[in-house]
Amino acid sequence: MCAVIALTVVGCKGDTPVVDPVNPVGEKPEISVQQMDLTANSFTFEISTNVAGELGYAVVAEGYNAPSINDLFVANSVQVDDVEVITVEGLNDNTEYTLYVIFRAAADGLLSDPKTLKFT
């Protein structure tokens, strides 16, 4: 796992805003999601991103509705600044699931494109 370090940009009235080089304001977050491991009751995936921020995700069994963007952050939220490996436990064997993920940049709140990953 990676250590998460929170970076805050602080300025005073009249100062020129400083752009955080780790998470430039206005840069749309890019994410990639990759399956790492799958057992009868757990699923491990790796998320990588180009900016620091918050990952919202949910695992939904086949036949259930896809969550909204807000639901993803309510269901599960993880701070990520580069790469993070996440394990979801308590799944049922021989069940089709979809992993839904979206990423919100820490600097400006911009959202990545949502991604999905199906697994059984």
PDB file of N, CA and C in Angstrom:
ATOM      1  N   MET A   1       0.832  -1.178   0.000  1.00  0.00           N
ATOM      2  CA  MET A   1       0.000   0.000   0.000  1.00  0.00           C
ATOM      3  C   MET A   1       0.876   1.241   0.000  1.00  0.00           C
ATOM      4  N   CYS A   2       0.325   2.305  -0.445  1.00  0.00           N
ATOM      5  CA  CYS A   2       1.046   3.568  -0.512  1.00  0.00           C
ATOM      6  C   CYS A   2       0.631   4.454   0.659  1.00  0.00           C
ATOM      7  N   ALA A   3       1.548   5.241   1.128  1.00  0.00           N
ATOM      8  CA  ALA A   3       1.213   6.217   2.162  1.00  0.00           C
ATOM      9  C   ALA A   3       0.475   7.374   1.522  1.00  0.00           C
ATOM     10  N   VAL A   4      -0.491   7.901   2.224  1.00  0.00           N
ATOM     11  CA  VAL A   4      -1.268   9.027   1.712  1.00  0.00           C
ATOM     12  C   VAL A   4      -0.814  10.285   2.438  1.00  0.00           C
ATOM     13  N   ILE A   5      -0.424  11.283   1.679  1.00  0.00           N
ATOM     14  CA  ILE A   5       0.023  12.546   2.238  1.00  0.00           C
ATOM     15  C   ILE A   5      -0.902  13.631   1.728  1.00  0.00           C
ATOM     16  N   ALA A   6      -1.496  14.351   2.649  1.00  0.00           N
ATOM     17  CA  ALA A   6      -2.401  15.439   2.266  1.00  0.00           C
ATOM     18  C   ALA A   6      -1.594  16.703   2.006  1.00  0.00           C
ATOM     19  N   LEU A   7      -1.841  17.322   0.874  1.00  0.00           N
ATOM     20  CA  LEU A   7      -1.164  18.568   0.526  1.00  0.00           C
ATOM     21  C   LEU A   7      -2.203  19.669   0.484  1.00  0.00           C
ATOM     22  N   THR A   8      -1.898  20.779   1.130  1.00  0.00           N
ATOM     23  CA  THR A   8      -2.810  21.901   1.150  1.00  0.00           C
ATOM     24  C   THR A   8      -2.091  23.126   0.628  1.00  0.00           C
ATOM     25  N   VAL A   9      -2.748  23.835  -0.273  1.00  0.00           N
ATOM     26  CA  VAL A   9      -2.201  25.085  -0.791  1.00  0.00           C
ATOM     27  C   VAL A   9      -2.921  26.218  -0.060  1.00  0.00           C
ATOM     28  N   VAL A  10      -2.139  27.070   0.593  1.00  0.00           N
ATOM     29  CA  VAL A  10      -2.711  28.163   1.366  1.00  0.00           C
ATOM     30  C   VAL A  10      -2.195  29.477   0.804  1.00  0.00           C
ATOM     31  N   GLY A  11      -3.063  30.451   0.706  1.00  0.00           N
ATOM     32  CA  GLY A  11      -2.644  31.756   0.212  1.00  0.00           C
ATOM     33  C   GLY A  11      -3.301  32.863   1.010  1.00  0.00           C
ATOM     34  N   CYS A  12      -2.829  34.044   0.848  1.00  0.00           N
ATOM     35  CA  CYS A  12      -3.393  35.209   1.516  1.00  0.00           C
ATOM     36  C   CYS A  12      -4.070  36.076   0.464  1.00  0.00           C
ATOM     37  N   LYS A  13      -4.991  36.908   0.928  1.00  0.00           N
ATOM     38  CA  LYS A  13      -5.699  37.802   0.019  1.00  0.00           C
ATOM     39  C   LYS A  13      -4.697  38.628  -0.774  1.00  0.00           C
ATOM     40  N   GLY A  14      -4.871  38.633  -2.069  1.00  0.00           N
ATOM     41  CA  GLY A  14      -3.994  39.411  -2.933  1.00  0.00           C
ATOM     42  C   GLY A  14      -2.823  38.617  -3.483  1.00  0.00           C
ATOM     43  N   ASP A  15      -2.535  37.454  -2.904  1.00  0.00           N
ATOM     44  CA  ASP A  15      -1.449  36.622  -3.416  1.00  0.00           C
ATOM     45  C   ASP A  15      -1.863  35.951  -4.725  1.00  0.00           C
ATOM     46  N   THR A  16      -0.888  35.661  -5.562  1.00  0.00           N
ATOM     47  CA  THR A  16      -1.138  34.878  -6.756  1.00  0.00           C
ATOM     48  C   THR A  16      -1.306  33.429  -6.338  1.00  0.00           C
ATOM     49  N   PRO A  17      -2.376  32.756  -6.787  1.00  0.00           N
ATOM     50  CA  PRO A  17      -2.565  31.353  -6.406  1.00  0.00           C
ATOM     51  C   PRO A  17      -1.369  30.508  -6.824  1.00  0.00           C
ATOM     52  N   VAL A  18      -1.000  29.569  -5.980  1.00  0.00           N
ATOM     53  CA  VAL A  18       0.103  28.655  -6.245  1.00  0.00           C
ATOM     54  C   VAL A  18      -0.493  27.342  -6.725  1.00  0.00           C
ATOM     55  N   VAL A  19       0.008  26.826  -7.838  1.00  0.00           N
ATOM     56  CA  VAL A  19      -0.469  25.553  -8.367  1.00  0.00           C
ATOM     57  C   VAL A  19       0.340  24.432  -7.737  1.00  0.00           C
ATOM     58  N   ASP A  20      -0.371  23.492  -7.150  1.00  0.00           N
ATOM     59  CA  ASP A  20       0.260  22.319  -6.544  1.00  0.00           C
ATOM     60  C   ASP A  20       0.813  21.454  -7.673  1.00  0.00           C
ATOM     61  N   PRO A  21       2.129  21.196  -7.731  1.00  0.00           N
ATOM     62  CA  PRO A  21       2.692  20.411  -8.834  1.00  0.00           C
ATOM     63  C   PRO A  21       2.224  18.953  -8.818  1.00  0.00           C
ATOM     64  N   VAL A  22       1.779  18.450  -7.662  1.00  0.00           N
ATOM     65  CA  VAL A  22       1.294  17.080  -7.583  1.00  0.00           C
ATOM     66  C   VAL A  22      -0.118  16.978  -8.137  1.00  0.00           C
ATOM     67  N   ASN A  23      -0.888  18.050  -8.051  1.00  0.00           N
ATOM     68  CA  ASN A  23      -2.271  18.040  -8.504  1.00  0.00           C
ATOM     69  C   ASN A  23      -2.621  19.406  -9.082  1.00  0.00           C
ATOM     70  N   PRO A  24      -2.151  19.705 -10.298  1.00  0.00           N
ATOM     71  CA  PRO A  24      -2.416  21.015 -10.882  1.00  0.00           C
ATOM     72  C   PRO A  24      -3.918  21.269 -11.017  1.00  0.00           C
ATOM     73  N   VAL A  25      -4.344  22.443 -10.611  1.00  0.00           N
ATOM     74  CA  VAL A  25      -5.754  22.806 -10.705  1.00  0.00           C
ATOM     75  C   VAL A  25      -6.176  22.780 -12.164  1.00  0.00           C
ATOM     76  N   GLY A  26      -7.310  22.203 -12.425  1.00  0.00           N
ATOM     77  CA  GLY A  26      -7.852  22.165 -13.764  1.00  0.00           C
ATOM     78  C   GLY A  26      -7.474  20.938 -14.564  1.00  0.00           C
ATOM     79  N   GLU A  27      -6.609  20.079 -14.044  1.00  0.00           N
ATOM     80  CA  GLU A  27      -6.231  18.859 -14.756  1.00  0.00           C
ATOM     81  C   GLU A  27      -7.225  17.758 -14.420  1.00  0.00           C
ATOM     82  N   LYS A  28      -7.957  17.293 -15.413  1.00  0.00           N
ATOM     83  CA  LYS A  28      -8.959  16.248 -15.186  1.00  0.00           C
ATOM     84  C   LYS A  28      -8.261  14.972 -14.725  1.00  0.00           C
ATOM     85  N   PRO A  29      -8.738  14.393 -13.641  1.00  0.00           N
ATOM     86  CA  PRO A  29      -8.105  13.166 -13.150  1.00  0.00           C
ATOM     87  C   PRO A  29      -8.235  12.023 -14.149  1.00  0.00           C
ATOM     88  N   GLU A  30      -7.169  11.289 -14.296  1.00  0.00           N
ATOM     89  CA  GLU A  30      -7.153  10.074 -15.108  1.00  0.00           C
ATOM     90  C   GLU A  30      -6.984   8.904 -14.145  1.00  0.00           C
ATOM     91  N   ILE A  31      -7.771   7.851 -14.330  1.00  0.00           N
ATOM     92  CA  ILE A  31      -7.614   6.674 -13.483  1.00  0.00           C
ATOM     93  C   ILE A  31      -7.583   5.426 -14.344  1.00  0.00           C
ATOM     94  N   SER A  32      -6.911   4.413 -13.832  1.00  0.00           N
ATOM     95  CA  SER A  32      -6.993   3.093 -14.438  1.00  0.00           C
ATOM     96  C   SER A  32      -7.254   2.111 -13.302  1.00  0.00           C
ATOM     97  N   VAL A  33      -8.035   1.092 -13.611  1.00  0.00           N
ATOM     98  CA  VAL A  33      -8.386   0.085 -12.620  1.00  0.00           C
ATOM     99  C   VAL A  33      -8.053  -1.282 -13.208  1.00  0.00           C
ATOM    100  N   GLN A  34      -7.443  -2.117 -12.375  1.00  0.00           N
ATOM    101  CA  GLN A  34      -6.991  -3.418 -12.840  1.00  0.00           C
ATOM    102  C   GLN A  34      -7.277  -4.470 -11.776  1.00  0.00           C
ATOM    103  N   GLN A  35      -7.821  -5.600 -12.205  1.00  0.00           N
ATOM    104  CA  GLN A  35      -8.054  -6.713 -11.281  1.00  0.00           C
ATOM    105  C   GLN A  35      -6.719  -7.312 -10.880  1.00  0.00           C
ATOM    106  N   MET A  36      -6.538  -7.536  -9.569  1.00  0.00           N
ATOM    107  CA  MET A  36      -5.299  -8.107  -9.067  1.00  0.00           C
ATOM    108  C   MET A  36      -5.489  -9.548  -8.589  1.00  0.00           C
ATOM    109  N   ASP A  37      -6.601  -9.808  -7.871  1.00  0.00           N
ATOM    110  CA  ASP A  37      -6.826 -11.133  -7.299  1.00  0.00           C
ATOM    111  C   ASP A  37      -8.326 -11.335  -7.118  1.00  0.00           C
ATOM    112  N   LEU A  38      -8.743 -12.580  -7.203  1.00  0.00           N
ATOM    113  CA  LEU A  38     -10.150 -12.918  -7.041  1.00  0.00           C
ATOM    114  C   LEU A  38     -10.234 -14.266  -6.350  1.00  0.00           C
ATOM    115  N   THR A  39     -10.961 -14.322  -5.232  1.00  0.00           N
ATOM    116  CA  THR A  39     -11.210 -15.580  -4.539  1.00  0.00           C
ATOM    117  C   THR A  39     -12.719 -15.788  -4.474  1.00  0.00           C
ATOM    118  N   ALA A  40     -13.152 -16.843  -3.816  1.00  0.00           N
ATOM    119  CA  ALA A  40     -14.585 -17.134  -3.710  1.00  0.00           C
ATOM    120  C   ALA A  40     -15.337 -16.017  -3.000  1.00  0.00           C
ATOM    121  N   ASN A  41     -14.667 -15.301  -2.071  1.00  0.00           N
ATOM    122  CA  ASN A  41     -15.363 -14.294  -1.269  1.00  0.00           C
ATOM    123  C   ASN A  41     -14.715 -12.916  -1.257  1.00  0.00           C
ATOM    124  N   SER A  42     -13.670 -12.712  -2.081  1.00  0.00           N
ATOM    125  CA  SER A  42     -13.031 -11.396  -2.087  1.00  0.00           C
ATOM    126  C   SER A  42     -12.517 -11.046  -3.482  1.00  0.00           C
ATOM    127  N   PHE A  43     -12.330  -9.754  -3.671  1.00  0.00           N
ATOM    128  CA  PHE A  43     -11.857  -9.208  -4.945  1.00  0.00           C
ATOM    129  C   PHE A  43     -10.852  -8.116  -4.626  1.00  0.00           C
ATOM    130  N   THR A  44      -9.686  -8.182  -5.247  1.00  0.00           N
ATOM    131  CA  THR A  44      -8.649  -7.166  -5.045  1.00  0.00           C
ATOM    132  C   THR A  44      -8.390  -6.467  -6.375  1.00  0.00           C
ATOM    133  N   PHE A  45      -8.377  -5.126  -6.301  1.00  0.00           N
ATOM    134  CA  PHE A  45      -8.087  -4.352  -7.504  1.00  0.00           C
ATOM    135  C   PHE A  45      -7.070  -3.271  -7.187  1.00  0.00           C
ATOM    136  N   GLU A  46      -6.404  -2.813  -8.242  1.00  0.00           N
ATOM    137  CA  GLU A  46      -5.426  -1.726  -8.134  1.00  0.00           C
ATOM    138  C   GLU A  46      -5.975  -0.527  -8.871  1.00  0.00           C
ATOM    139  N   ILE A  47      -5.881   0.614  -8.232  1.00  0.00           N
ATOM    140  CA  ILE A  47      -6.289   1.869  -8.851  1.00  0.00           C
ATOM    141  C   ILE A  47      -5.054   2.755  -8.979  1.00  0.00           C
ATOM    142  N   SER A  48      -4.866   3.361 -10.128  1.00  0.00           N
ATOM    143  CA  SER A  48      -3.767   4.316 -10.288  1.00  0.00           C
ATOM    144  C   SER A  48      -4.343   5.598 -10.860  1.00  0.00           C
ATOM    145  N   THR A  49      -3.710   6.718 -10.498  1.00  0.00           N
ATOM    146  CA  THR A  49      -4.209   8.024 -10.897  1.00  0.00           C
ATOM    147  C   THR A  49      -3.058   8.977 -11.167  1.00  0.00           C
ATOM    148  N   ASN A  50      -3.359  10.037 -11.894  1.00  0.00           N
ATOM    149  CA  ASN A  50      -2.341  11.040 -12.219  1.00  0.00           C
ATOM    150  C   ASN A  50      -2.345  12.230 -11.260  1.00  0.00           C
ATOM    151  N   VAL A  51      -3.316  12.290 -10.342  1.00  0.00           N
ATOM    152  CA  VAL A  51      -3.400  13.384  -9.372  1.00  0.00           C
ATOM    153  C   VAL A  51      -3.820  12.839  -8.016  1.00  0.00           C
ATOM    154  N   ALA A  52      -3.586  13.582  -6.967  1.00  0.00           N
ATOM    155  CA  ALA A  52      -4.031  13.194  -5.630  1.00  0.00           C
ATOM    156  C   ALA A  52      -5.516  13.485  -5.484  1.00  0.00           C
ATOM    157  N   GLY A  53      -6.199  12.644  -4.720  1.00  0.00           N
ATOM    158  CA  GLY A  53      -7.616  12.878  -4.500  1.00  0.00           C
ATOM    159  C   GLY A  53      -8.299  11.727  -3.808  1.00  0.00           C
ATOM    160  N   GLU A  54      -9.590  11.618  -4.061  1.00  0.00           N
ATOM    161  CA  GLU A  54     -10.431  10.656  -3.361  1.00  0.00           C
ATOM    162  C   GLU A  54     -11.101   9.723  -4.377  1.00  0.00           C
ATOM    163  N   LEU A  55     -10.980   8.429  -4.116  1.00  0.00           N
ATOM    164  CA  LEU A  55     -11.636   7.418  -4.929  1.00  0.00           C
ATOM    165  C   LEU A  55     -12.948   7.035  -4.275  1.00  0.00           C
ATOM    166  N   GLY A  56     -14.014   7.055  -5.038  1.00  0.00           N
ATOM    167  CA  GLY A  56     -15.297   6.532  -4.588  1.00  0.00           C
ATOM    168  C   GLY A  56     -15.578   5.262  -5.367  1.00  0.00           C
ATOM    169  N   TYR A  57     -16.002   4.199  -4.662  1.00  0.00           N
ATOM    170  CA  TYR A  57     -16.245   2.950  -5.377  1.00  0.00           C
ATOM    171  C   TYR A  57     -17.329   2.119  -4.703  1.00  0.00           C
ATOM    172  N   ALA A  58     -17.896   1.205  -5.492  1.00  0.00           N
ATOM    173  CA  ALA A  58     -18.894   0.271  -4.986  1.00  0.00           C
ATOM    174  C   ALA A  58     -18.846  -0.989  -5.829  1.00  0.00           C
ATOM    175  N   VAL A  59     -19.138  -2.108  -5.196  1.00  0.00           N
ATOM    176  CA  VAL A  59     -19.260  -3.390  -5.876  1.00  0.00           C
ATOM    177  C   VAL A  59     -20.733  -3.768  -5.818  1.00  0.00           C
ATOM    178  N   VAL A  60     -21.334  -4.001  -6.998  1.00  0.00           N
ATOM    179  CA  VAL A  60     -22.764  -4.242  -7.092  1.00  0.00           C
ATOM    180  C   VAL A  60     -23.006  -5.587  -7.774  1.00  0.00           C
ATOM    181  N   ALA A  61     -23.833  -6.427  -7.146  1.00  0.00           N
ATOM    182  CA  ALA A  61     -24.178  -7.728  -7.722  1.00  0.00           C
ATOM    183  C   ALA A  61     -25.088  -7.543  -8.926  1.00  0.00           C
ATOM    184  N   GLU A  62     -24.993  -8.483  -9.874  1.00  0.00           N
ATOM    185  CA  GLU A  62     -25.835  -8.450 -11.073  1.00  0.00           C
ATOM    186  C   GLU A  62     -27.302  -8.400 -10.666  1.00  0.00           C
ATOM    187  N   GLY A  63     -28.066  -7.586 -11.386  1.00  0.00           N
ATOM    188  CA  GLY A  63     -29.482  -7.453 -11.113  1.00  0.00           C
ATOM    189  C   GLY A  63     -29.831  -6.240 -10.278  1.00  0.00           C
ATOM    190  N   TYR A  64     -28.824  -5.592  -9.704  1.00  0.00           N
ATOM    191  CA  TYR A  64     -29.042  -4.384  -8.912  1.00  0.00           C
ATOM    192  C   TYR A  64     -28.660  -3.163  -9.736  1.00  0.00           C
ATOM    193  N   ASN A  65     -29.259  -2.029  -9.417  1.00  0.00           N
ATOM    194  CA  ASN A  65     -29.004  -0.792 -10.150  1.00  0.00           C
ATOM    195  C   ASN A  65     -27.600  -0.266  -9.899  1.00  0.00           C
ATOM    196  N   ALA A  66     -27.067   0.392 -10.899  1.00  0.00           N
ATOM    197  CA  ALA A  66     -25.774   1.065 -10.760  1.00  0.00           C
ATOM    198  C   ALA A  66     -25.924   2.221  -9.780  1.00  0.00           C
ATOM    199  N   PRO A  67     -24.917   2.453  -8.942  1.00  0.00           N
ATOM    200  CA  PRO A  67     -24.995   3.564  -7.985  1.00  0.00           C
ATOM    201  C   PRO A  67     -24.776   4.910  -8.670  1.00  0.00           C
ATOM    202  N   SER A  68     -25.272   5.980  -8.031  1.00  0.00           N
ATOM    203  CA  SER A  68     -25.000   7.332  -8.516  1.00  0.00           C
ATOM    204  C   SER A  68     -23.573   7.711  -8.127  1.00  0.00           C
ATOM    205  N   ILE A  69     -23.094   8.793  -8.685  1.00  0.00           N
ATOM    206  CA  ILE A  69     -21.745   9.264  -8.342  1.00  0.00           C
ATOM    207  C   ILE A  69     -21.646   9.547  -6.848  1.00  0.00           C
ATOM    208  N   ASN A  70     -22.630  10.222  -6.284  1.00  0.00           N
ATOM    209  CA  ASN A  70     -22.602  10.503  -4.845  1.00  0.00           C
ATOM    210  C   ASN A  70     -22.620   9.227  -4.028  1.00  0.00           C
ATOM    211  N   ASP A  71     -23.395   8.215  -4.481  1.00  0.00           N
ATOM    212  CA  ASP A  71     -23.450   6.937  -3.768  1.00  0.00           C
ATOM    213  C   ASP A  71     -22.084   6.262  -3.712  1.00  0.00           C
ATOM    214  N   LEU A  72     -21.277   6.432  -4.751  1.00  0.00           N
ATOM    215  CA  LEU A  72     -19.949   5.818  -4.765  1.00  0.00           C
ATOM    216  C   LEU A  72     -19.089   6.353  -3.628  1.00  0.00           C
ATOM    217  N   PHE A  73     -19.134   7.649  -3.398  1.00  0.00           N
ATOM    218  CA  PHE A  73     -18.332   8.235  -2.323  1.00  0.00           C
ATOM    219  C   PHE A  73     -18.896   7.892  -0.946  1.00  0.00           C
ATOM    220  N   VAL A  74     -20.211   7.698  -0.870  1.00  0.00           N
ATOM    221  CA  VAL A  74     -20.842   7.309   0.398  1.00  0.00           C
ATOM    222  C   VAL A  74     -20.530   5.844   0.710  1.00  0.00           C
ATOM    223  N   ALA A  75     -20.571   4.983  -0.310  1.00  0.00           N
ATOM    224  CA  ALA A  75     -20.356   3.545  -0.110  1.00  0.00           C
ATOM    225  C   ALA A  75     -18.944   3.264   0.388  1.00  0.00           C
ATOM    226  N   ASN A  76     -17.944   3.752  -0.327  1.00  0.00           N
ATOM    227  CA  ASN A  76     -16.539   3.511   0.006  1.00  0.00           C
ATOM    228  C   ASN A  76     -15.717   4.662  -0.532  1.00  0.00           C
ATOM    229  N   SER A  77     -14.856   5.196   0.300  1.00  0.00           N
ATOM    230  CA  SER A  77     -14.034   6.329  -0.084  1.00  0.00           C
ATOM    231  C   SER A  77     -12.607   6.118   0.421  1.00  0.00           C
ATOM    232  N   VAL A  78     -11.636   6.311  -0.468  1.00  0.00           N
ATOM    233  CA  VAL A  78     -10.225   6.108  -0.127  1.00  0.00           C
ATOM    234  C   VAL A  78      -9.418   7.257  -0.712  1.00  0.00           C
ATOM    235  N   GLN A  79      -8.499   7.803   0.066  1.00  0.00           N
ATOM    236  CA  GLN A  79      -7.575   8.820  -0.427  1.00  0.00           C
ATOM    237  C   GLN A  79      -6.453   8.123  -1.194  1.00  0.00           C
ATOM    238  N   VAL A  80      -6.180   8.604  -2.401  1.00  0.00           N
ATOM    239  CA  VAL A  80      -5.142   8.017  -3.253  1.00  0.00           C
ATOM    240  C   VAL A  80      -4.329   9.149  -3.853  1.00  0.00           C
ATOM    241  N   ASP A  81      -2.999   8.983  -3.858  1.00  0.00           N
ATOM    242  CA  ASP A  81      -2.180  10.005  -4.509  1.00  0.00           C
ATOM    243  C   ASP A  81      -1.371   9.454  -5.673  1.00  0.00           C
ATOM    244  N   ASP A  82      -1.388   8.145  -5.879  1.00  0.00           N
ATOM    245  CA  ASP A  82      -0.651   7.544  -6.979  1.00  0.00           C
ATOM    246  C   ASP A  82      -1.262   6.186  -7.311  1.00  0.00           C
ATOM    247  N   VAL A  83      -0.935   5.179  -6.502  1.00  0.00           N
ATOM    248  CA  VAL A  83      -1.425   3.815  -6.699  1.00  0.00           C
ATOM    249  C   VAL A  83      -1.897   3.268  -5.365  1.00  0.00           C
ATOM    250  N   GLU A  84      -3.013   2.573  -5.389  1.00  0.00           N
ATOM    251  CA  GLU A  84      -3.538   1.955  -4.168  1.00  0.00           C
ATOM    252  C   GLU A  84      -4.121   0.594  -4.542  1.00  0.00           C
ATOM    253  N   VAL A  85      -3.897  -0.394  -3.672  1.00  0.00           N
ATOM    254  CA  VAL A  85      -4.468  -1.722  -3.844  1.00  0.00           C
ATOM    255  C   VAL A  85      -5.570  -1.878  -2.805  1.00  0.00           C
ATOM    256  N   ILE A  86      -6.763  -2.262  -3.256  1.00  0.00           N
ATOM    257  CA  ILE A  86      -7.942  -2.331  -2.396  1.00  0.00           C
ATOM    258  C   ILE A  86      -8.561  -3.725  -2.505  1.00  0.00           C
ATOM    259  N   THR A  87      -8.925  -4.297  -1.358  1.00  0.00           N
ATOM    260  CA  THR A  87      -9.591  -5.595  -1.325  1.00  0.00           C
ATOM    261  C   THR A  87     -11.011  -5.414  -0.803  1.00  0.00           C
ATOM    262  N   VAL A  88     -11.970  -5.988  -1.516  1.00  0.00           N
ATOM    263  CA  VAL A  88     -13.374  -5.994  -1.124  1.00  0.00           C
ATOM    264  C   VAL A  88     -13.696  -7.413  -0.675  1.00  0.00           C
ATOM    265  N   GLU A  89     -14.200  -7.554   0.544  1.00  0.00           N
ATOM    266  CA  GLU A  89     -14.496  -8.875   1.085  1.00  0.00           C
ATOM    267  C   GLU A  89     -15.991  -9.045   1.293  1.00  0.00           C
ATOM    268  N   GLY A  90     -16.407 -10.272   1.609  1.00  0.00           N
ATOM    269  CA  GLY A  90     -17.806 -10.556   1.885  1.00  0.00           C
ATOM    270  C   GLY A  90     -18.643 -10.793   0.641  1.00  0.00           C
ATOM    271  N   LEU A  91     -18.000 -11.164  -0.456  1.00  0.00           N
ATOM    272  CA  LEU A  91     -18.719 -11.433  -1.695  1.00  0.00           C
ATOM    273  C   LEU A  91     -19.212 -12.880  -1.716  1.00  0.00           C
ATOM    274  N   ASN A  92     -20.156 -13.156  -2.590  1.00  0.00           N
ATOM    275  CA  ASN A  92     -20.696 -14.506  -2.733  1.00  0.00           C
ATOM    276  C   ASN A  92     -20.043 -15.213  -3.906  1.00  0.00           C
ATOM    277  N   ASP A  93     -19.764 -16.500  -3.739  1.00  0.00           N
ATOM    278  CA  ASP A  93     -19.169 -17.324  -4.781  1.00  0.00           C
ATOM    279  C   ASP A  93     -20.155 -17.465  -5.950  1.00  0.00           C
ATOM    280  N   ASN A  94     -19.639 -17.583  -7.149  1.00  0.00           N
ATOM    281  CA  ASN A  94     -20.432 -17.787  -8.366  1.00  0.00           C
ATOM    282  C   ASN A  94     -21.481 -16.690  -8.582  1.00  0.00           C
ATOM    283  N   THR A  95     -21.118 -15.468  -8.290  1.00  0.00           N
ATOM    284  CA  THR A  95     -22.012 -14.323  -8.475  1.00  0.00           C
ATOM    285  C   THR A  95     -21.314 -13.305  -9.364  1.00  0.00           C
ATOM    286  N   GLU A  96     -22.038 -12.765 -10.327  1.00  0.00           N
ATOM    287  CA  GLU A  96     -21.474 -11.729 -11.189  1.00  0.00           C
ATOM    288  C   GLU A  96     -21.599 -10.377 -10.495  1.00  0.00           C
ATOM    289  N   TYR A  97     -20.495  -9.628 -10.486  1.00  0.00           N
ATOM    290  CA  TYR A  97     -20.440  -8.308  -9.862  1.00  0.00           C
ATOM    291  C   TYR A  97     -19.896  -7.298 -10.852  1.00  0.00           C
ATOM    292  N   THR A  98     -20.188  -6.039 -10.580  1.00  0.00           N
ATOM    293  CA  THR A  98     -19.565  -4.930 -11.303  1.00  0.00           C
ATOM    294  C   THR A  98     -18.966  -3.984 -10.280  1.00  0.00           C
ATOM    295  N   LEU A  99     -17.698  -3.643 -10.487  1.00  0.00           N
ATOM    296  CA  LEU A  99     -17.017  -2.633  -9.681  1.00  0.00           C
ATOM    297  C   LEU A  99     -17.212  -1.302 -10.398  1.00  0.00           C
ATOM    298  N   TYR A 100     -17.725  -0.303  -9.681  1.00  0.00           N
ATOM    299  CA  TYR A 100     -17.893   1.053 -10.195  1.00  0.00           C
ATOM    300  C   TYR A 100     -16.915   1.956  -9.453  1.00  0.00           C
ATOM    301  N   VAL A 101     -16.140   2.759 -10.175  1.00  0.00           N
ATOM    302  CA  VAL A 101     -15.193   3.680  -9.543  1.00  0.00           C
ATOM    303  C   VAL A 101     -15.253   5.046 -10.214  1.00  0.00           C
ATOM    304  N   ILE A 102     -14.976   6.068  -9.413  1.00  0.00           N
ATOM    305  CA  ILE A 102     -14.820   7.429  -9.916  1.00  0.00           C
ATOM    306  C   ILE A 102     -13.847   8.137  -8.981  1.00  0.00           C
ATOM    307  N   PHE A 103     -13.143   9.115  -9.486  1.00  0.00           N
ATOM    308  CA  PHE A 103     -12.094   9.783  -8.722  1.00  0.00           C
ATOM    309  C   PHE A 103     -12.342  11.282  -8.719  1.00  0.00           C
ATOM    310  N   ARG A 104     -12.168  11.904  -7.549  1.00  0.00           N
ATOM    311  CA  ARG A 104     -12.335  13.358  -7.405  1.00  0.00           C
ATOM    312  C   ARG A 104     -10.988  13.962  -7.015  1.00  0.00           C
ATOM    313  N   ALA A 105     -10.496  14.907  -7.823  1.00  0.00           N
ATOM    314  CA  ALA A 105      -9.213  15.567  -7.557  1.00  0.00           C
ATOM    315  C   ALA A 105      -9.291  16.389  -6.282  1.00  0.00           C
ATOM    316  N   ALA A 106      -8.250  16.308  -5.468  1.00  0.00           N
ATOM    317  CA  ALA A 106      -8.205  17.038  -4.201  1.00  0.00           C
ATOM    318  C   ALA A 106      -8.117  18.548  -4.425  1.00  0.00           C
ATOM    319  N   ALA A 107      -7.381  18.965  -5.445  1.00  0.00           N
ATOM    320  CA  ALA A 107      -7.118  20.388  -5.640  1.00  0.00           C
ATOM    321  C   ALA A 107      -8.351  21.187  -6.055  1.00  0.00           C
ATOM    322  N   ASP A 108      -9.195  20.593  -6.893  1.00  0.00           N
ATOM    323  CA  ASP A 108     -10.290  21.384  -7.445  1.00  0.00           C
ATOM    324  C   ASP A 108     -11.619  20.650  -7.546  1.00  0.00           C
ATOM    325  N   GLY A 109     -11.670  19.396  -7.128  1.00  0.00           N
ATOM    326  CA  GLY A 109     -12.925  18.648  -7.136  1.00  0.00           C
ATOM    327  C   GLY A 109     -13.348  18.118  -8.493  1.00  0.00           C
ATOM    328  N   LEU A 110     -12.502  18.275  -9.518  1.00  0.00           N
ATOM    329  CA  LEU A 110     -12.857  17.723 -10.826  1.00  0.00           C
ATOM    330  C   LEU A 110     -12.962  16.209 -10.742  1.00  0.00           C
ATOM    331  N   LEU A 111     -13.914  15.646 -11.480  1.00  0.00           N
ATOM    332  CA  LEU A 111     -14.139  14.201 -11.481  1.00  0.00           C
ATOM    333  C   LEU A 111     -13.517  13.545 -12.705  1.00  0.00           C
ATOM    334  N   SER A 112     -13.024  12.333 -12.505  1.00  0.00           N
ATOM    335  CA  SER A 112     -12.565  11.521 -13.629  1.00  0.00           C
ATOM    336  C   SER A 112     -13.778  10.977 -14.365  1.00  0.00           C
ATOM    337  N   ASP A 113     -13.540  10.368 -15.494  1.00  0.00           N
ATOM    338  CA  ASP A 113     -14.598   9.594 -16.132  1.00  0.00           C
ATOM    339  C   ASP A 113     -14.819   8.366 -15.262  1.00  0.00           C
ATOM    340  N   PRO A 114     -16.069   7.961 -15.067  1.00  0.00           N
ATOM    341  CA  PRO A 114     -16.315   6.753 -14.267  1.00  0.00           C
ATOM    342  C   PRO A 114     -15.817   5.515 -15.022  1.00  0.00           C
ATOM    343  N   LYS A 115     -15.417   4.506 -14.264  1.00  0.00           N
ATOM    344  CA  LYS A 115     -14.948   3.244 -14.846  1.00  0.00           C
ATOM    345  C   LYS A 115     -15.688   2.091 -14.202  1.00  0.00           C
ATOM    346  N   THR A 116     -15.810   1.002 -14.949  1.00  0.00           N
ATOM    347  CA  THR A 116     -16.419  -0.212 -14.417  1.00  0.00           C
ATOM    348  C   THR A 116     -15.519  -1.400 -14.736  1.00  0.00           C
ATOM    349  N   LEU A 117     -15.658  -2.435 -13.923  1.00  0.00           N
ATOM    350  CA  LEU A 117     -14.927  -3.662 -14.130  1.00  0.00           C
ATOM    351  C   LEU A 117     -15.819  -4.806 -13.681  1.00  0.00           C
ATOM    352  N   LYS A 118     -16.137  -5.715 -14.602  1.00  0.00           N
ATOM    353  CA  LYS A 118     -17.004  -6.852 -14.278  1.00  0.00           C
ATOM    354  C   LYS A 118     -16.156  -8.048 -13.872  1.00  0.00           C
ATOM    355  N   PHE A 119     -16.668  -8.815 -12.896  1.00  0.00           N
ATOM    356  CA  PHE A 119     -15.988 -10.029 -12.466  1.00  0.00           C
ATOM    357  C   PHE A 119     -16.996 -10.989 -11.848  1.00  0.00           C
ATOM    358  N   THR A 120     -16.632 -12.284 -11.787  1.00  0.00           N
ATOM    359  CA  THR A 120     -17.495 -13.304 -11.195  1.00  0.00           C
ATOM    360  C   THR A 120     -16.693 -14.036 -10.131  1.00  0.00           C
TER     361      THR A 120
END
